Amino acid sequence: MSRTAEIKLTVDLDSEDMPTRIEWQASEGQGDGPISCESMMLSVWDSENKTTAAIDLWIKDTSVEDLNIYFYQVIHKMADTYLRATKNEEIAGSIHEFGEGFGEKLGLLKRSAG
């Protein structure tokens, strides 16, 4: 039996249209009520036009340090999702390697001796 699930995003904006609060809620999610977050990326694929549309938001008070950690984790999450979707371990590994280099350059990881 098919069903419909819903994901709801709520964004509060200041007078300059900068996000001050982001909340999300999923109809099949855990917990009661919306969950706050400081940053989000939502990408959708248009197969007819072969293009990706995206909504990338972060609240204006998000620190660069938090954004660096967020992007580091997103890169690794993208690698995991790519592997799950394509079963291509080589390319998923390459994405993870890029993520590790990204983390090293930002000082999130200690450089390995070698």
PDB file of N, CA and C in Angstrom:
ATOM      1  N   MET A   1       0.842  -1.176   0.000  1.00  0.00           N
ATOM      2  CA  MET A   1       0.000   0.000   0.000  1.00  0.00           C
ATOM      3  C   MET A   1       0.892   1.247   0.000  1.00  0.00           C
ATOM      4  N   SER A   2       0.640   2.140  -0.893  1.00  0.00           N
ATOM      5  CA  SER A   2       1.440   3.369  -0.967  1.00  0.00           C
ATOM      6  C   SER A   2       0.922   4.391   0.036  1.00  0.00           C
ATOM      7  N   ARG A   3       1.798   5.329   0.375  1.00  0.00           N
ATOM      8  CA  ARG A   3       1.430   6.397   1.294  1.00  0.00           C
ATOM      9  C   ARG A   3       2.222   7.644   0.935  1.00  0.00           C
ATOM     10  N   THR A   4       1.839   8.737   1.493  1.00  0.00           N
ATOM     11  CA  THR A   4       2.538   9.998   1.273  1.00  0.00           C
ATOM     12  C   THR A   4       3.171  10.443   2.584  1.00  0.00           C
ATOM     13  N   ALA A   5       4.437  10.833   2.506  1.00  0.00           N
ATOM     14  CA  ALA A   5       5.146  11.393   3.657  1.00  0.00           C
ATOM     15  C   ALA A   5       5.448  12.852   3.344  1.00  0.00           C
ATOM     16  N   GLU A   6       5.598  13.636   4.384  1.00  0.00           N
ATOM     17  CA  GLU A   6       5.821  15.067   4.195  1.00  0.00           C
ATOM     18  C   GLU A   6       7.010  15.537   5.023  1.00  0.00           C
ATOM     19  N   ILE A   7       7.818  16.416   4.431  1.00  0.00           N
ATOM     20  CA  ILE A   7       8.895  17.095   5.132  1.00  0.00           C
ATOM     21  C   ILE A   7       8.592  18.586   5.048  1.00  0.00           C
ATOM     22  N   LYS A   8       8.562  19.225   6.194  1.00  0.00           N
ATOM     23  CA  LYS A   8       8.206  20.647   6.252  1.00  0.00           C
ATOM     24  C   LYS A   8       9.404  21.446   6.754  1.00  0.00           C
ATOM     25  N   LEU A   9       9.705  22.540   6.074  1.00  0.00           N
ATOM     26  CA  LEU A   9      10.761  23.466   6.474  1.00  0.00           C
ATOM     27  C   LEU A   9      10.122  24.801   6.827  1.00  0.00           C
ATOM     28  N   THR A  10      10.569  25.395   7.931  1.00  0.00           N
ATOM     29  CA  THR A  10      10.110  26.722   8.325  1.00  0.00           C
ATOM     30  C   THR A  10      11.341  27.589   8.538  1.00  0.00           C
ATOM     31  N   VAL A  11      11.377  28.733   7.875  1.00  0.00           N
ATOM     32  CA  VAL A  11      12.531  29.629   7.957  1.00  0.00           C
ATOM     33  C   VAL A  11      12.045  31.009   8.375  1.00  0.00           C
ATOM     34  N   ASP A  12      12.574  31.495   9.493  1.00  0.00           N
ATOM     35  CA  ASP A  12      12.303  32.871   9.922  1.00  0.00           C
ATOM     36  C   ASP A  12      13.380  33.764   9.324  1.00  0.00           C
ATOM     37  N   LEU A  13      12.961  34.913   8.779  1.00  0.00           N
ATOM     38  CA  LEU A  13      13.884  35.846   8.128  1.00  0.00           C
ATOM     39  C   LEU A  13      13.885  37.184   8.844  1.00  0.00           C
ATOM     40  N   ASP A  14      15.044  37.839   8.834  1.00  0.00           N
ATOM     41  CA  ASP A  14      15.104  39.194   9.390  1.00  0.00           C
ATOM     42  C   ASP A  14      14.691  40.195   8.311  1.00  0.00           C
ATOM     43  N   SER A  15      14.822  41.478   8.600  1.00  0.00           N
ATOM     44  CA  SER A  15      14.387  42.523   7.664  1.00  0.00           C
ATOM     45  C   SER A  15      15.210  42.548   6.382  1.00  0.00           C
ATOM     46  N   GLU A  16      16.388  41.894   6.393  1.00  0.00           N
ATOM     47  CA  GLU A  16      17.235  41.824   5.194  1.00  0.00           C
ATOM     48  C   GLU A  16      17.139  40.457   4.515  1.00  0.00           C
ATOM     49  N   ASP A  17      16.100  39.699   4.850  1.00  0.00           N
ATOM     50  CA  ASP A  17      15.845  38.367   4.297  1.00  0.00           C
ATOM     51  C   ASP A  17      16.938  37.348   4.619  1.00  0.00           C
ATOM     52  N   MET A  18      17.637  37.554   5.722  1.00  0.00           N
ATOM     53  CA  MET A  18      18.632  36.583   6.186  1.00  0.00           C
ATOM     54  C   MET A  18      17.954  35.640   7.178  1.00  0.00           C
ATOM     55  N   PRO A  19      18.183  34.335   7.043  1.00  0.00           N
ATOM     56  CA  PRO A  19      17.574  33.396   7.990  1.00  0.00           C
ATOM     57  C   PRO A  19      18.064  33.629   9.425  1.00  0.00           C
ATOM     58  N   THR A  20      17.126  33.661  10.350  1.00  0.00           N
ATOM     59  CA  THR A  20      17.455  33.784  11.771  1.00  0.00           C
ATOM     60  C   THR A  20      17.102  32.512  12.531  1.00  0.00           C
ATOM     61  N   ARG A  21      16.259  31.677  11.923  1.00  0.00           N
ATOM     62  CA  ARG A  21      15.871  30.411  12.533  1.00  0.00           C
ATOM     63  C   ARG A  21      15.429  29.473  11.424  1.00  0.00           C
ATOM     64  N   ILE A  22      15.859  28.219  11.522  1.00  0.00           N
ATOM     65  CA  ILE A  22      15.449  27.182  10.577  1.00  0.00           C
ATOM     66  C   ILE A  22      14.924  26.009  11.397  1.00  0.00           C
ATOM     67  N   GLU A  23      13.751  25.514  11.029  1.00  0.00           N
ATOM     68  CA  GLU A  23      13.188  24.329  11.669  1.00  0.00           C
ATOM     69  C   GLU A  23      12.700  23.374  10.595  1.00  0.00           C
ATOM     70  N   TRP A  24      12.782  22.093  10.894  1.00  0.00           N
ATOM     71  CA  TRP A  24      12.267  21.087   9.977  1.00  0.00           C
ATOM     72  C   TRP A  24      11.475  20.059  10.763  1.00  0.00           C
ATOM     73  N   GLN A  25      10.570  19.415  10.055  1.00  0.00           N
ATOM     74  CA  GLN A  25       9.725  18.401  10.666  1.00  0.00           C
ATOM     75  C   GLN A  25       9.351  17.390   9.588  1.00  0.00           C
ATOM     76  N   ALA A  26       9.400  16.121   9.931  1.00  0.00           N
ATOM     77  CA  ALA A  26       9.033  15.060   8.996  1.00  0.00           C
ATOM     78  C   ALA A  26       7.836  14.302   9.550  1.00  0.00           C
ATOM     79  N   SER A  27       6.877  14.015   8.682  1.00  0.00           N
ATOM     80  CA  SER A  27       5.670  13.323   9.125  1.00  0.00           C
ATOM     81  C   SER A  27       5.993  11.934   9.669  1.00  0.00           C
ATOM     82  N   GLU A  28       7.066  11.332   9.205  1.00  0.00           N
ATOM     83  CA  GLU A  28       7.459  10.011   9.687  1.00  0.00           C
ATOM     84  C   GLU A  28       8.706  10.087  10.559  1.00  0.00           C
ATOM     85  N   GLY A  29       8.995  11.279  11.071  1.00  0.00           N
ATOM     86  CA  GLY A  29      10.190  11.486  11.879  1.00  0.00           C
ATOM     87  C   GLY A  29       9.995  11.089  13.328  1.00  0.00           C
ATOM     88  N   GLN A  30      11.097  11.097  14.029  1.00  0.00           N
ATOM     89  CA  GLN A  30      11.104  10.798  15.456  1.00  0.00           C
ATOM     90  C   GLN A  30      10.809  12.083  16.224  1.00  0.00           C
ATOM     91  N   GLY A  31      10.172  11.978  17.344  1.00  0.00           N
ATOM     92  CA  GLY A  31       9.969  13.135  18.199  1.00  0.00           C
ATOM     93  C   GLY A  31       8.712  13.915  17.868  1.00  0.00           C
ATOM     94  N   ASP A  32       8.428  14.835  18.761  1.00  0.00           N
ATOM     95  CA  ASP A  32       7.238  15.677  18.617  1.00  0.00           C
ATOM     96  C   ASP A  32       7.645  17.078  18.199  1.00  0.00           C
ATOM     97  N   GLY A  33       6.999  17.599  17.205  1.00  0.00           N
ATOM     98  CA  GLY A  33       7.222  18.978  16.803  1.00  0.00           C
ATOM     99  C   GLY A  33       8.462  19.189  15.967  1.00  0.00           C
ATOM    100  N   PRO A  34       8.659  20.435  15.556  1.00  0.00           N
ATOM    101  CA  PRO A  34       9.789  20.770  14.683  1.00  0.00           C
ATOM    102  C   PRO A  34      11.128  20.702  15.415  1.00  0.00           C
ATOM    103  N   ILE A  35      12.186  20.482  14.641  1.00  0.00           N
ATOM    104  CA  ILE A  35      13.553  20.407  15.144  1.00  0.00           C
ATOM    105  C   ILE A  35      14.322  21.590  14.575  1.00  0.00           C
ATOM    106  N   SER A  36      15.014  22.322  15.440  1.00  0.00           N
ATOM    107  CA  SER A  36      15.807  23.473  15.000  1.00  0.00           C
ATOM    108  C   SER A  36      17.138  23.019  14.428  1.00  0.00           C
ATOM    109  N   CYS A  37      17.638  23.775  13.459  1.00  0.00           N
ATOM    110  CA  CYS A  37      18.976  23.544  12.919  1.00  0.00           C
ATOM    111  C   CYS A  37      19.556  24.888  12.493  1.00  0.00           C
ATOM    112  N   GLU A  38      20.874  24.941  12.344  1.00  0.00           N
ATOM    113  CA  GLU A  38      21.533  26.188  11.950  1.00  0.00           C
ATOM    114  C   GLU A  38      21.850  26.245  10.468  1.00  0.00           C
ATOM    115  N   SER A  39      21.872  25.090   9.810  1.00  0.00           N
ATOM    116  CA  SER A  39      22.253  25.060   8.402  1.00  0.00           C
ATOM    117  C   SER A  39      21.555  23.894   7.727  1.00  0.00           C
ATOM    118  N   MET A  40      21.279  24.044   6.432  1.00  0.00           N
ATOM    119  CA  MET A  40      20.658  22.956   5.674  1.00  0.00           C
ATOM    120  C   MET A  40      20.979  23.087   4.194  1.00  0.00           C
ATOM    121  N   MET A  41      21.020  21.948   3.541  1.00  0.00           N
ATOM    122  CA  MET A  41      21.153  21.897   2.088  1.00  0.00           C
ATOM    123  C   MET A  41      20.112  20.909   1.579  1.00  0.00           C
ATOM    124  N   LEU A  42      19.329  21.335   0.638  1.00  0.00           N
ATOM    125  CA  LEU A  42      18.339  20.476   0.011  1.00  0.00           C
ATOM    126  C   LEU A  42      18.570  20.543  -1.492  1.00  0.00           C
ATOM    127  N   SER A  43      18.868  19.398  -2.090  1.00  0.00           N
ATOM    128  CA  SER A  43      19.096  19.337  -3.538  1.00  0.00           C
ATOM    129  C   SER A  43      18.054  18.422  -4.158  1.00  0.00           C
ATOM    130  N   VAL A  44      17.508  18.838  -5.280  1.00  0.00           N
ATOM    131  CA  VAL A  44      16.533  18.019  -6.003  1.00  0.00           C
ATOM    132  C   VAL A  44      16.966  17.890  -7.459  1.00  0.00           C
ATOM    133  N   TRP A  45      16.810  16.697  -8.009  1.00  0.00           N
ATOM    134  CA  TRP A  45      17.246  16.386  -9.358  1.00  0.00           C
ATOM    135  C   TRP A  45      16.085  16.479 -10.332  1.00  0.00           C
ATOM    136  N   ASP A  46      16.262  17.236 -11.393  1.00  0.00           N
ATOM    137  CA  ASP A  46      15.302  17.357 -12.489  1.00  0.00           C
ATOM    138  C   ASP A  46      15.836  16.494 -13.625  1.00  0.00           C
ATOM    139  N   SER A  47      15.329  15.265 -13.748  1.00  0.00           N
ATOM    140  CA  SER A  47      15.868  14.337 -14.746  1.00  0.00           C
ATOM    141  C   SER A  47      15.548  14.766 -16.174  1.00  0.00           C
ATOM    142  N   GLU A  48      14.452  15.470 -16.362  1.00  0.00           N
ATOM    143  CA  GLU A  48      14.097  15.920 -17.707  1.00  0.00           C
ATOM    144  C   GLU A  48      15.112  16.931 -18.235  1.00  0.00           C
ATOM    145  N   ASN A  49      15.507  17.883 -17.391  1.00  0.00           N
ATOM    146  CA  ASN A  49      16.454  18.920 -17.806  1.00  0.00           C
ATOM    147  C   ASN A  49      17.897  18.625 -17.406  1.00  0.00           C
ATOM    148  N   LYS A  50      18.097  17.506 -16.693  1.00  0.00           N
ATOM    149  CA  LYS A  50      19.441  17.100 -16.233  1.00  0.00           C
ATOM    150  C   LYS A  50      20.114  18.213 -15.435  1.00  0.00           C
ATOM    151  N   THR A  51      19.374  18.778 -14.480  1.00  0.00           N
ATOM    152  CA  THR A  51      19.909  19.841 -13.632  1.00  0.00           C
ATOM    153  C   THR A  51      19.520  19.594 -12.171  1.00  0.00           C
ATOM    154  N   THR A  52      20.305  20.171 -11.296  1.00  0.00           N
ATOM    155  CA  THR A  52      20.036  20.103  -9.863  1.00  0.00           C
ATOM    156  C   THR A  52      19.617  21.479  -9.376  1.00  0.00           C
ATOM    157  N   ALA A  53      18.513  21.522  -8.669  1.00  0.00           N
ATOM    158  CA  ALA A  53      18.091  22.749  -7.995  1.00  0.00           C
ATOM    159  C   ALA A  53      18.435  22.579  -6.519  1.00  0.00           C
ATOM    160  N   ALA A  54      18.756  23.667  -5.861  1.00  0.00           N
ATOM    161  CA  ALA A  54      19.180  23.556  -4.468  1.00  0.00           C
ATOM    162  C   ALA A  54      18.674  24.716  -3.630  1.00  0.00           C
ATOM    163  N   ILE A  55      18.429  24.407  -2.370  1.00  0.00           N
ATOM    164  CA  ILE A  55      18.149  25.413  -1.355  1.00  0.00           C
ATOM    165  C   ILE A  55      19.224  25.229  -0.292  1.00  0.00           C
ATOM    166  N   ASP A  56      20.093  26.202  -0.154  1.00  0.00           N
ATOM    167  CA  ASP A  56      21.181  26.163   0.817  1.00  0.00           C
ATOM    168  C   ASP A  56      20.982  27.332   1.776  1.00  0.00           C
ATOM    169  N   LEU A  57      20.772  27.029   3.043  1.00  0.00           N
ATOM    170  CA  LEU A  57      20.500  28.068   4.031  1.00  0.00           C
ATOM    171  C   LEU A  57      21.325  27.852   5.290  1.00  0.00           C
ATOM    172  N   TRP A  58      21.684  28.937   5.931  1.00  0.00           N
ATOM    173  CA  TRP A  58      22.300  28.899   7.257  1.00  0.00           C
ATOM    174  C   TRP A  58      21.869  30.163   7.978  1.00  0.00           C
ATOM    175  N   ILE A  59      21.692  30.049   9.290  1.00  0.00           N
ATOM    176  CA  ILE A  59      21.276  31.241  10.028  1.00  0.00           C
ATOM    177  C   ILE A  59      22.456  32.190  10.133  1.00  0.00           C
ATOM    178  N   LYS A  60      22.151  33.465  10.221  1.00  0.00           N
ATOM    179  CA  LYS A  60      23.209  34.477  10.130  1.00  0.00           C
ATOM    180  C   LYS A  60      24.208  34.407  11.270  1.00  0.00           C
ATOM    181  N   ASP A  61      23.859  33.791  12.386  1.00  0.00           N
ATOM    182  CA  ASP A  61      24.777  33.692  13.519  1.00  0.00           C
ATOM    183  C   ASP A  61      25.633  32.428  13.500  1.00  0.00           C
ATOM    184  N   THR A  62      25.526  31.621  12.456  1.00  0.00           N
ATOM    185  CA  THR A  62      26.319  30.395  12.392  1.00  0.00           C
ATOM    186  C   THR A  62      27.792  30.747  12.240  1.00  0.00           C
ATOM    187  N   SER A  63      28.628  30.145  13.058  1.00  0.00           N
ATOM    188  CA  SER A  63      30.065  30.441  13.003  1.00  0.00           C
ATOM    189  C   SER A  63      30.719  29.739  11.814  1.00  0.00           C
ATOM    190  N   VAL A  64      31.810  30.308  11.343  1.00  0.00           N
ATOM    191  CA  VAL A  64      32.579  29.680  10.265  1.00  0.00           C
ATOM    192  C   VAL A  64      33.086  28.319  10.730  1.00  0.00           C
ATOM    193  N   GLU A  65      33.478  28.216  11.987  1.00  0.00           N
ATOM    194  CA  GLU A  65      33.938  26.933  12.529  1.00  0.00           C
ATOM    195  C   GLU A  65      32.849  25.867  12.407  1.00  0.00           C
ATOM    196  N   ASP A  66      31.619  26.212  12.775  1.00  0.00           N
ATOM    197  CA  ASP A  66      30.513  25.263  12.643  1.00  0.00           C
ATOM    198  C   ASP A  66      30.245  24.926  11.180  1.00  0.00           C
ATOM    199  N   LEU A  67      30.322  25.921  10.292  1.00  0.00           N
ATOM    200  CA  LEU A  67      30.116  25.648   8.867  1.00  0.00           C
ATOM    201  C   LEU A  67      31.208  24.736   8.316  1.00  0.00           C
ATOM    202  N   ASN A  68      32.454  24.914   8.763  1.00  0.00           N
ATOM    203  CA  ASN A  68      33.536  24.029   8.322  1.00  0.00           C
ATOM    204  C   ASN A  68      33.256  22.585   8.719  1.00  0.00           C
ATOM    205  N   ILE A  69      32.841  22.377   9.963  1.00  0.00           N
ATOM    206  CA  ILE A  69      32.516  21.023  10.430  1.00  0.00           C
ATOM    207  C   ILE A  69      31.325  20.480   9.657  1.00  0.00           C
ATOM    208  N   TYR A  70      30.320  21.313   9.458  1.00  0.00           N
ATOM    209  CA  TYR A  70      29.116  20.911   8.720  1.00  0.00           C
ATOM    210  C   TYR A  70      29.469  20.446   7.310  1.00  0.00           C
ATOM    211  N   PHE A  71      30.252  21.239   6.583  1.00  0.00           N
ATOM    212  CA  PHE A  71      30.618  20.859   5.219  1.00  0.00           C
ATOM    213  C   PHE A  71      31.462  19.592   5.198  1.00  0.00           C
ATOM    214  N   TYR A  72      32.375  19.443   6.151  1.00  0.00           N
ATOM    215  CA  TYR A  72      33.182  18.227   6.255  1.00  0.00           C
ATOM    216  C   TYR A  72      32.264  17.009   6.398  1.00  0.00           C
ATOM    217  N   GLN A  73      31.286  17.100   7.288  1.00  0.00           N
ATOM    218  CA  GLN A  73      30.371  15.983   7.493  1.00  0.00           C
ATOM    219  C   GLN A  73      29.471  15.754   6.286  1.00  0.00           C
ATOM    220  N   VAL A  74      29.036  16.822   5.624  1.00  0.00           N
ATOM    221  CA  VAL A  74      28.186  16.688   4.434  1.00  0.00           C
ATOM    222  C   VAL A  74      28.931  15.964   3.313  1.00  0.00           C
ATOM    223  N   ILE A  75      30.214  16.281   3.136  1.00  0.00           N
ATOM    224  CA  ILE A  75      30.998  15.605   2.094  1.00  0.00           C
ATOM    225  C   ILE A  75      31.021  14.105   2.361  1.00  0.00           C
ATOM    226  N   HIS A  76      31.267  13.709   3.606  1.00  0.00           N
ATOM    227  CA  HIS A  76      31.290  12.281   3.935  1.00  0.00           C
ATOM    228  C   HIS A  76      29.903  11.653   3.805  1.00  0.00           C
ATOM    229  N   LYS A  77      28.865  12.373   4.187  1.00  0.00           N
ATOM    230  CA  LYS A  77      27.501  11.875   4.022  1.00  0.00           C
ATOM    231  C   LYS A  77      27.176  11.696   2.541  1.00  0.00           C
ATOM    232  N   MET A  78      27.647  12.627   1.706  1.00  0.00           N
ATOM    233  CA  MET A  78      27.434  12.515   0.265  1.00  0.00           C
ATOM    234  C   MET A  78      28.102  11.251  -0.273  1.00  0.00           C
ATOM    235  N   ALA A  79      29.312  10.948   0.201  1.00  0.00           N
ATOM    236  CA  ALA A  79      30.006   9.732  -0.230  1.00  0.00           C
ATOM    237  C   ALA A  79      29.204   8.493   0.159  1.00  0.00           C
ATOM    238  N   ASP A  80      28.686   8.470   1.385  1.00  0.00           N
ATOM    239  CA  ASP A  80      27.887   7.329   1.840  1.00  0.00           C
ATOM    240  C   ASP A  80      26.612   7.176   1.012  1.00  0.00           C
ATOM    241  N   THR A  81      25.951   8.293   0.734  1.00  0.00           N
ATOM    242  CA  THR A  81      24.724   8.259  -0.063  1.00  0.00           C
ATOM    243  C   THR A  81      25.021   7.814  -1.489  1.00  0.00           C
ATOM    244  N   TYR A  82      26.120   8.320  -2.058  1.00  0.00           N
ATOM    245  CA  TYR A  82      26.517   7.925  -3.409  1.00  0.00           C
ATOM    246  C   TYR A  82      26.754   6.417  -3.472  1.00  0.00           C
ATOM    247  N   LEU A  83      27.451   5.876  -2.477  1.00  0.00           N
ATOM    248  CA  LEU A  83      27.706   4.432  -2.446  1.00  0.00           C
ATOM    249  C   LEU A  83      26.400   3.653  -2.351  1.00  0.00           C
ATOM    250  N   ARG A  84      25.503   4.074  -1.478  1.00  0.00           N
ATOM    251  CA  ARG A  84      24.222   3.389  -1.325  1.00  0.00           C
ATOM    252  C   ARG A  84      23.409   3.431  -2.620  1.00  0.00           C
ATOM    253  N   ALA A  85      23.484   4.550  -3.345  1.00  0.00           N
ATOM    254  CA  ALA A  85      22.685   4.722  -4.561  1.00  0.00           C
ATOM    255  C   ALA A  85      23.284   4.019  -5.770  1.00  0.00           C
ATOM    256  N   THR A  86      24.627   3.977  -5.852  1.00  0.00           N
ATOM    257  CA  THR A  86      25.276   3.478  -7.073  1.00  0.00           C
ATOM    258  C   THR A  86      26.053   2.186  -6.888  1.00  0.00           C
ATOM    259  N   LYS A  87      26.389   1.848  -5.649  1.00  0.00           N
ATOM    260  CA  LYS A  87      27.244   0.685  -5.330  1.00  0.00           C
ATOM    261  C   LYS A  87      28.659   0.860  -5.872  1.00  0.00           C
ATOM    262  N   ASN A  88      29.051   2.077  -6.254  1.00  0.00           N
ATOM    263  CA  ASN A  88      30.382   2.342  -6.808  1.00  0.00           C
ATOM    264  C   ASN A  88      31.339   2.700  -5.668  1.00  0.00           C
ATOM    265  N   GLU A  89      32.024   1.680  -5.161  1.00  0.00           N
ATOM    266  CA  GLU A  89      32.919   1.868  -4.016  1.00  0.00           C
ATOM    267  C   GLU A  89      34.122   2.741  -4.354  1.00  0.00           C
ATOM    268  N   GLU A  90      34.629   2.639  -5.579  1.00  0.00           N
ATOM    269  CA  GLU A  90      35.808   3.419  -5.958  1.00  0.00           C
ATOM    270  C   GLU A  90      35.529   4.923  -5.895  1.00  0.00           C
ATOM    271  N   ILE A  91      34.447   5.344  -6.510  1.00  0.00           N
ATOM    272  CA  ILE A  91      34.128   6.773  -6.523  1.00  0.00           C
ATOM    273  C   ILE A  91      33.715   7.247  -5.131  1.00  0.00           C
ATOM    274  N   ALA A  92      32.962   6.437  -4.397  1.00  0.00           N
ATOM    275  CA  ALA A  92      32.608   6.808  -3.025  1.00  0.00           C
ATOM    276  C   ALA A  92      33.870   6.985  -2.188  1.00  0.00           C
ATOM    277  N   GLY A  93      34.846   6.112  -2.389  1.00  0.00           N
ATOM    278  CA  GLY A  93      36.120   6.244  -1.689  1.00  0.00           C
ATOM    279  C   GLY A  93      36.837   7.526  -2.061  1.00  0.00           C
ATOM    280  N   SER A  94      36.766   7.898  -3.334  1.00  0.00           N
ATOM    281  CA  SER A  94      37.389   9.152  -3.777  1.00  0.00           C
ATOM    282  C   SER A  94      36.730  10.361  -3.118  1.00  0.00           C
ATOM    283  N   ILE A  95      35.425  10.311  -2.972  1.00  0.00           N
ATOM    284  CA  ILE A  95      34.720  11.413  -2.307  1.00  0.00           C
ATOM    285  C   ILE A  95      35.144  11.483  -0.839  1.00  0.00           C
ATOM    286  N   HIS A  96      35.244  10.327  -0.184  1.00  0.00           N
ATOM    287  CA  HIS A  96      35.718  10.301   1.206  1.00  0.00           C
ATOM    288  C   HIS A  96      37.139  10.859   1.305  1.00  0.00           C
ATOM    289  N   GLU A  97      38.007  10.488   0.364  1.00  0.00           N
ATOM    290  CA  GLU A  97      39.384  11.001   0.369  1.00  0.00           C
ATOM    291  C   GLU A  97      39.391  12.523   0.243  1.00  0.00           C
ATOM    292  N   PHE A  98      38.559  13.039  -0.655  1.00  0.00           N
ATOM    293  CA  PHE A  98      38.444  14.490  -0.778  1.00  0.00           C
ATOM    294  C   PHE A  98      38.021  15.098   0.559  1.00  0.00           C
ATOM    295  N   GLY A  99      37.046  14.477   1.203  1.00  0.00           N
ATOM    296  CA  GLY A  99      36.577  14.969   2.496  1.00  0.00           C
ATOM    297  C   GLY A  99      37.679  15.003   3.538  1.00  0.00           C
ATOM    298  N   GLU A 100      38.529  13.978   3.538  1.00  0.00           N
ATOM    299  CA  GLU A 100      39.637  13.957   4.490  1.00  0.00           C
ATOM    300  C   GLU A 100      40.623  15.088   4.197  1.00  0.00           C
ATOM    301  N   GLY A 101      40.925  15.321   2.919  1.00  0.00           N
ATOM    302  CA  GLY A 101      41.807  16.430   2.552  1.00  0.00           C
ATOM    303  C   GLY A 101      41.205  17.768   2.936  1.00  0.00           C
ATOM    304  N   PHE A 102      39.915  17.913   2.732  1.00  0.00           N
ATOM    305  CA  PHE A 102      39.185  19.123   3.114  1.00  0.00           C
ATOM    306  C   PHE A 102      39.316  19.346   4.618  1.00  0.00           C
ATOM    307  N   GLY A 103      39.087  18.289   5.385  1.00  0.00           N
ATOM    308  CA  GLY A 103      39.192  18.382   6.838  1.00  0.00           C
ATOM    309  C   GLY A 103      40.595  18.727   7.302  1.00  0.00           C
ATOM    310  N   GLU A 104      41.601  18.157   6.642  1.00  0.00           N
ATOM    311  CA  GLU A 104      42.990  18.464   6.997  1.00  0.00           C
ATOM    312  C   GLU A 104      43.314  19.929   6.724  1.00  0.00           C
ATOM    313  N   LYS A 105      42.923  20.422   5.548  1.00  0.00           N
ATOM    314  CA  LYS A 105      43.219  21.815   5.190  1.00  0.00           C
ATOM    315  C   LYS A 105      42.550  22.802   6.144  1.00  0.00           C
ATOM    316  N   LEU A 106      41.410  22.431   6.674  1.00  0.00           N
ATOM    317  CA  LEU A 106      40.703  23.301   7.615  1.00  0.00           C
ATOM    318  C   LEU A 106      41.206  23.129   9.047  1.00  0.00           C
ATOM    319  N   GLY A 107      42.098  22.168   9.248  1.00  0.00           N
ATOM    320  CA  GLY A 107      42.600  21.922  10.597  1.00  0.00           C
ATOM    321  C   GLY A 107      41.650  21.115  11.458  1.00  0.00           C
ATOM    322  N   LEU A 108      40.674  20.476  10.828  1.00  0.00           N
ATOM    323  CA  LEU A 108      39.737  19.642  11.575  1.00  0.00           C
ATOM    324  C   LEU A 108      40.361  18.301  11.941  1.00  0.00           C
ATOM    325  N   LEU A 109      41.360  17.887  11.157  1.00  0.00           N
ATOM    326  CA  LEU A 109      42.030  16.601  11.360  1.00  0.00           C
ATOM    327  C   LEU A 109      43.517  16.832  11.498  1.00  0.00           C
ATOM    328  N   LYS A 110      44.157  15.973  12.223  1.00  0.00           N
ATOM    329  CA  LYS A 110      45.616  16.043  12.299  1.00  0.00           C
ATOM    330  C   LYS A 110      46.185  15.373  11.065  1.00  0.00           C
ATOM    331  N   ARG A 111      47.193  15.985  10.490  1.00  0.00           N
ATOM    332  CA  ARG A 111      47.846  15.400   9.317  1.00  0.00           C
ATOM    333  C   ARG A 111      48.568  14.130   9.730  1.00  0.00           C
ATOM    334  N   SER A 112      48.445  13.125   8.889  1.00  0.00           N
ATOM    335  CA  SER A 112      49.123  11.866   9.184  1.00  0.00           C
ATOM    336  C   SER A 112      50.573  11.946   8.740  1.00  0.00           C
ATOM    337  N   ALA A 113      51.439  11.326   9.501  1.00  0.00           N
ATOM    338  CA  ALA A 113      52.864  11.288   9.135  1.00  0.00           C
ATOM    339  C   ALA A 113      53.024  10.330   7.976  1.00  0.00           C
ATOM    340  N   GLY A 114      53.851  10.682   7.079  1.00  0.00           N
ATOM    341  CA  GLY A 114      54.011   9.727   6.010  1.00  0.00           C
ATOM    342  C   GLY A 114      54.480  10.366   4.807  1.00  0.00           C
TER     343      GLY A 114
END
